[in-house]
C-alpha atoms as a PDB file:
ATOM      1  CA  MET A   1     -11.003   5.425 -54.934  1.00  0.00           C
ATOM      2  CA  SER A   2     -11.121   3.254 -51.821  1.00  0.00           C
ATOM      3  CA  ASP A   3     -14.825   3.845 -51.165  1.00  0.00           C
ATOM      4  CA  CYS A   4     -16.050   3.425 -54.780  1.00  0.00           C
ATOM      5  CA  ILE A   5     -18.156   0.285 -55.184  1.00  0.00           C
ATOM      6  CA  PHE A   6     -17.330  -0.011 -58.893  1.00  0.00           C
ATOM      7  CA  CYS A   7     -13.600   0.274 -58.192  1.00  0.00           C
ATOM      8  CA  LYS A   8     -14.024  -2.547 -55.675  1.00  0.00           C
ATOM      9  CA  ILE A   9     -15.847  -4.659 -58.285  1.00  0.00           C
ATOM     10  CA  ALA A  10     -13.190  -3.916 -60.913  1.00  0.00           C
ATOM     11  CA  GLY A  11     -10.485  -4.833 -58.420  1.00  0.00           C
ATOM     12  CA  GLY A  12     -12.164  -8.142 -57.543  1.00  0.00           C
ATOM     13  CA  HIS A  13     -12.856  -7.106 -53.944  1.00  0.00           C
ATOM     14  CA  ILE A  14     -16.648  -7.346 -54.311  1.00  0.00           C
ATOM     15  CA  PRO A  15     -18.215 -10.227 -56.216  1.00  0.00           C
ATOM     16  CA  ALA A  16     -20.336  -9.323 -59.231  1.00  0.00           C
ATOM     17  CA  GLY A  17     -21.957 -11.277 -62.034  1.00  0.00           C
ATOM     18  CA  LYS A  18     -19.057 -10.519 -64.355  1.00  0.00           C
ATOM     19  CA  VAL A  19     -19.619 -11.377 -68.002  1.00  0.00           C
ATOM     20  CA  PHE A  20     -16.423  -9.856 -69.399  1.00  0.00           C
ATOM     21  CA  GLU A  21     -13.200  -8.278 -68.221  1.00  0.00           C
ATOM     22  CA  ASP A  22      -9.871  -7.274 -69.649  1.00  0.00           C
ATOM     23  CA  GLU A  23      -7.100  -4.882 -68.658  1.00  0.00           C
ATOM     24  CA  ASP A  24      -9.279  -1.792 -69.309  1.00  0.00           C
ATOM     25  CA  ILE A  25     -12.956  -2.606 -68.730  1.00  0.00           C
ATOM     26  CA  VAL A  26     -15.280  -4.849 -66.733  1.00  0.00           C
ATOM     27  CA  ALA A  27     -18.868  -5.814 -67.620  1.00  0.00           C
ATOM     28  CA  PHE A  28     -21.320  -7.328 -65.159  1.00  0.00           C
ATOM     29  CA  ARG A  29     -25.044  -7.874 -64.609  1.00  0.00           C
ATOM     30  CA  ASP A  30     -26.952  -5.016 -62.980  1.00  0.00           C
ATOM     31  CA  ILE A  31     -28.228  -6.070 -59.543  1.00  0.00           C
ATOM     32  CA  TYR A  32     -31.530  -4.246 -60.192  1.00  0.00           C
ATOM     33  CA  PRO A  33     -32.215  -5.100 -63.841  1.00  0.00           C
ATOM     34  CA  GLN A  34     -34.757  -2.947 -65.659  1.00  0.00           C
ATOM     35  CA  ARG A  35     -34.890  -5.212 -68.736  1.00  0.00           C
ATOM     36  CA  PRO A  36     -34.270  -8.917 -69.426  1.00  0.00           C
ATOM     37  CA  VAL A  37     -30.760  -7.872 -70.499  1.00  0.00           C
ATOM     38  CA  HIS A  38     -29.225  -5.219 -68.250  1.00  0.00           C
ATOM     39  CA  LEU A  39     -25.452  -5.066 -68.012  1.00  0.00           C
ATOM     40  CA  LEU A  40     -23.073  -2.412 -66.728  1.00  0.00           C
ATOM     41  CA  VAL A  41     -19.754  -1.709 -68.420  1.00  0.00           C
ATOM     42  CA  ILE A  42     -17.173   0.221 -66.411  1.00  0.00           C
ATOM     43  CA  PRO A  43     -13.598   1.321 -66.942  1.00  0.00           C
ATOM     44  CA  ARG A  44     -11.124  -0.113 -64.434  1.00  0.00           C
ATOM     45  CA  LYS A  45      -9.751   3.408 -64.115  1.00  0.00           C
ATOM     46  CA  HIS A  46     -11.819   5.573 -61.796  1.00  0.00           C
ATOM     47  CA  ILE A  47     -13.462   8.238 -63.940  1.00  0.00           C
ATOM     48  CA  VAL A  48     -16.259  10.049 -62.116  1.00  0.00           C
ATOM     49  CA  SER A  49     -18.476  10.714 -65.153  1.00  0.00           C
ATOM     50  CA  LEU A  50     -18.513  11.724 -68.798  1.00  0.00           C
ATOM     51  CA  ALA A  51     -18.166  15.296 -67.551  1.00  0.00           C
ATOM     52  CA  GLU A  52     -14.657  14.451 -66.328  1.00  0.00           C
ATOM     53  CA  VAL A  53     -13.351  12.472 -69.313  1.00  0.00           C
ATOM     54  CA  THR A  54      -9.957  13.563 -70.624  1.00  0.00           C
ATOM     55  CA  PRO A  55      -8.371  12.948 -74.031  1.00  0.00           C
ATOM     56  CA  GLU A  56      -6.371  10.075 -72.515  1.00  0.00           C
ATOM     57  CA  ASP A  57      -9.684   8.322 -71.672  1.00  0.00           C
ATOM     58  CA  VAL A  58     -10.908   8.216 -75.289  1.00  0.00           C
ATOM     59  CA  PRO A  59      -9.532   4.701 -76.025  1.00  0.00           C
ATOM     60  CA  ILE A  60     -11.294   3.267 -72.974  1.00  0.00           C
ATOM     61  CA  LEU A  61     -14.601   4.907 -73.930  1.00  0.00           C
ATOM     62  CA  GLY A  62     -14.208   3.544 -77.448  1.00  0.00           C
ATOM     63  CA  LYS A  63     -13.572   0.069 -76.102  1.00  0.00           C
ATOM     64  CA  MET A  64     -16.657   0.271 -73.867  1.00  0.00           C
ATOM     65  CA  LEU A  65     -18.866   1.149 -76.850  1.00  0.00           C
ATOM     66  CA  ALA A  66     -17.173  -1.231 -79.276  1.00  0.00           C
ATOM     67  CA  LYS A  67     -17.754  -4.158 -76.899  1.00  0.00           C
ATOM     68  CA  ALA A  68     -21.453  -3.333 -76.350  1.00  0.00           C
ATOM     69  CA  HIS A  69     -22.845  -5.419 -79.233  1.00  0.00           C
ATOM     70  CA  ASP A  70     -20.899  -8.538 -78.297  1.00  0.00           C
ATOM     71  CA  LEU A  71     -21.996  -8.212 -74.667  1.00  0.00           C
ATOM     72  CA  ALA A  72     -25.656  -7.595 -75.564  1.00  0.00           C
ATOM     73  CA  ALA A  73     -25.750 -10.478 -78.031  1.00  0.00           C
ATOM     74  CA  ALA A  74     -24.115 -12.909 -75.598  1.00  0.00           C
ATOM     75  CA  ALA A  75     -26.586 -11.877 -72.871  1.00  0.00           C
ATOM     76  CA  GLY A  76     -29.618 -12.519 -75.100  1.00  0.00           C
ATOM     77  CA  SER A  77     -30.204  -9.339 -77.093  1.00  0.00           C
ATOM     78  CA  PRO A  78     -28.622 -10.007 -80.509  1.00  0.00           C
ATOM     79  CA  ASP A  79     -31.159  -7.940 -82.474  1.00  0.00           C
ATOM     80  CA  GLY A  80     -30.530  -4.618 -80.755  1.00  0.00           C
ATOM     81  CA  PHE A  81     -29.947  -2.873 -77.476  1.00  0.00           C
ATOM     82  CA  ARG A  82     -29.673   0.559 -75.912  1.00  0.00           C
ATOM     83  CA  VAL A  83     -26.599   2.109 -74.294  1.00  0.00           C
ATOM     84  CA  ILE A  84     -27.293   4.633 -71.543  1.00  0.00           C
ATOM     85  CA  ILE A  85     -24.689   6.731 -69.744  1.00  0.00           C
ATOM     86  CA  ASN A  86     -26.185   8.872 -66.994  1.00  0.00           C
ATOM     87  CA  THR A  87     -23.999  11.863 -66.164  1.00  0.00           C
ATOM     88  CA  GLY A  88     -24.159  13.876 -62.970  1.00  0.00           C
ATOM     89  CA  ARG A  89     -27.021  14.480 -60.586  1.00  0.00           C
ATOM     90  CA  VAL A  90     -29.309  16.009 -63.227  1.00  0.00           C
ATOM     91  CA  GLY A  91     -28.556  13.123 -65.608  1.00  0.00           C
ATOM     92  CA  GLY A  92     -29.598  10.578 -62.976  1.00  0.00           C
ATOM     93  CA  GLN A  93     -26.155   9.208 -62.154  1.00  0.00           C
ATOM     94  CA  GLU A  94     -26.293   7.260 -58.881  1.00  0.00           C
ATOM     95  CA  VAL A  95     -22.805   5.733 -58.705  1.00  0.00           C
ATOM     96  CA  PHE A  96     -20.101   8.292 -59.418  1.00  0.00           C
ATOM     97  CA  HIS A  97     -17.836   6.027 -61.442  1.00  0.00           C
ATOM     98  CA  LEU A  98     -18.446   6.220 -65.184  1.00  0.00           C
ATOM     99  CA  HIS A  99     -20.603   3.325 -66.340  1.00  0.00           C
ATOM    100  CA  ALA A 100     -22.689   2.416 -69.369  1.00  0.00           C
ATOM    101  CA  HIS A 101     -25.936   0.509 -69.056  1.00  0.00           C
ATOM    102  CA  ILE A 102     -26.560  -1.969 -71.866  1.00  0.00           C
ATOM    103  CA  VAL A 103     -30.253  -2.821 -71.908  1.00  0.00           C
ATOM    104  CA  GLY A 104     -32.254  -5.022 -74.230  1.00  0.00           C
ATOM    105  CA  GLY A 105     -33.998  -8.326 -74.545  1.00  0.00           C
ATOM    106  CA  PRO A 106     -36.379 -10.055 -76.924  1.00  0.00           C
ATOM    107  CA  ASP A 107     -38.867  -7.160 -77.057  1.00  0.00           C
ATOM    108  CA  PRO A 108     -38.297  -3.513 -78.101  1.00  0.00           C
ATOM    109  CA  VAL A 109     -36.838  -1.334 -75.369  1.00  0.00           C
ATOM    110  CA  GLY A 110     -39.470   1.381 -75.867  1.00  0.00           C
ATOM    111  CA  PRO A 111     -39.346   5.155 -76.216  1.00  0.00           C
ATOM    112  CA  MET A 112     -36.251   7.083 -75.175  1.00  0.00           C
ATOM    113  CA  LEU A 113     -38.041   9.454 -72.827  1.00  0.00           C
ATOM    114  CA  LYS A 114     -41.551   9.780 -71.467  1.00  0.00           C
ATOM    115  CA  HIS A 115     -43.279  12.986 -72.474  1.00  0.00           C
END
């Protein structure tokens, strides 16, 4: 996707605070962090959202989740973290390239949702 900002980051065309990358995924610091630790993990492959995942995408999703603890710990949240994947307009997705937020820090993240 030529106009997708995350595809441009994954392709190295836009600089980002990358903390990890391999042939399938890229992790970088969120530019508007909501917690002391706030990373984004994206697949290199353009997948719009979880609503558009296919069976062939399962290994990439697994890799994204399997890498989350290492990324959180290295960024300063070794005792726990939260993974958030917003999906679609109703789910609060702002960039339409699948991405997981890894948030944490020294203090508890807090409740899942406000009542």
